[in-house]
Amino acid sequence: MSGHVDVEPDPYADVEATLRDEFAGVHPPATVTRCVEAAHYGALEVTGCAHRGLVERIARRHLEVLALVAAEHG
């Protein structure tokens, strides 16, 4: 045995990349990752599935709200 383990690709890697670019200079990459993860779990909780487009919309909204709050306090 070679010890090779197939790892399933992250289905939201492209969502994270898109949002990292969109919010560059506003949020650090770790914040984007956390918002995508939260959106994924939130979509699962509410709808029972986490389609890529839904996760992206939820995460983008989270990031927009965080930016607004930061602007109000900054």
Protein backbone atom coordinates (compact mmCIF):
# COMPACT_ATOMS: atom_id res chain seq x y z
CA MET A 1 0.00 0.00 0.00
CA SER A 2 1.25 3.44 -0.85
CA GLY A 3 -0.49 5.21 2.02
CA HIS A 4 -2.07 7.62 -0.45
CA VAL A 5 -5.34 9.05 0.81
CA ASP A 6 -7.73 10.72 -1.60
CA VAL A 7 -8.89 13.99 -0.11
CA GLU A 8 -12.13 15.40 -1.42
CA PRO A 9 -11.60 18.93 -2.75
CA ASP A 10 -13.16 21.77 -0.78
CA PRO A 11 -16.43 22.52 -2.58
CA TYR A 12 -16.27 26.12 -1.42
CA ALA A 13 -12.63 26.88 -2.30
CA ASP A 14 -13.73 28.96 -5.29
CA VAL A 15 -16.26 30.81 -3.13
CA GLU A 16 -13.53 31.65 -0.63
CA ALA A 17 -11.19 32.80 -3.40
CA THR A 18 -13.87 35.03 -4.93
CA LEU A 19 -14.77 36.59 -1.59
CA ARG A 20 -11.13 37.01 -0.55
CA ASP A 21 -10.57 39.03 -3.73
CA GLU A 22 -13.79 40.98 -3.31
CA PHE A 23 -13.06 41.89 0.32
CA ALA A 24 -9.28 42.28 0.06
CA GLY A 25 -8.26 45.24 2.18
CA VAL A 26 -11.49 44.98 4.15
CA HIS A 27 -11.25 41.57 5.84
CA PRO A 28 -8.32 39.21 6.38
CA PRO A 29 -8.51 35.82 4.62
CA ALA A 30 -9.23 34.05 7.93
CA THR A 31 -12.40 36.12 8.38
CA VAL A 32 -13.56 35.18 4.89
CA THR A 33 -12.93 31.51 5.65
CA ARG A 34 -14.89 31.72 8.90
CA CYS A 35 -17.82 33.42 7.16
CA VAL A 36 -17.91 30.78 4.42
CA GLU A 37 -17.83 28.02 7.04
CA ALA A 38 -20.58 29.71 9.05
CA ALA A 39 -22.66 30.18 5.91
CA HIS A 40 -22.21 26.50 5.03
CA TYR A 41 -23.39 25.31 8.44
CA GLY A 42 -26.18 27.89 8.60
CA ALA A 43 -27.53 26.83 5.21
CA LEU A 44 -27.47 23.19 6.30
CA GLU A 45 -29.33 24.03 9.51
CA VAL A 46 -32.03 26.06 7.79
CA THR A 47 -32.54 24.31 4.46
CA GLY A 48 -30.91 20.91 4.91
CA CYS A 49 -28.51 21.53 2.03
CA ALA A 50 -25.72 23.96 1.28
CA HIS A 51 -25.64 24.81 -2.41
CA ARG A 52 -22.59 26.76 -3.52
CA GLY A 53 -24.60 29.81 -4.60
CA LEU A 54 -26.51 29.98 -1.33
CA VAL A 55 -23.33 29.68 0.74
CA GLU A 56 -21.71 32.43 -1.32
CA ARG A 57 -24.68 34.80 -0.89
CA ILE A 58 -24.87 34.21 2.87
CA ALA A 59 -21.12 34.61 3.36
CA ARG A 60 -21.04 37.78 1.25
CA ARG A 61 -23.84 39.27 3.34
CA HIS A 62 -22.01 38.38 6.57
CA LEU A 63 -18.87 40.08 5.25
CA GLU A 64 -20.82 43.17 4.18
CA VAL A 65 -22.41 43.49 7.61
CA LEU A 66 -19.07 43.04 9.35
CA ALA A 67 -17.60 45.79 7.15
CA LEU A 68 -20.49 48.13 8.01
CA VAL A 69 -20.09 47.52 11.73
CA ALA A 70 -16.34 48.06 11.52
CA ALA A 71 -16.87 51.34 9.62
CA GLU A 72 -19.32 52.56 12.26
CA HIS A 73 -16.86 51.81 15.07
CA GLY A 74 -13.74 52.95 13.23
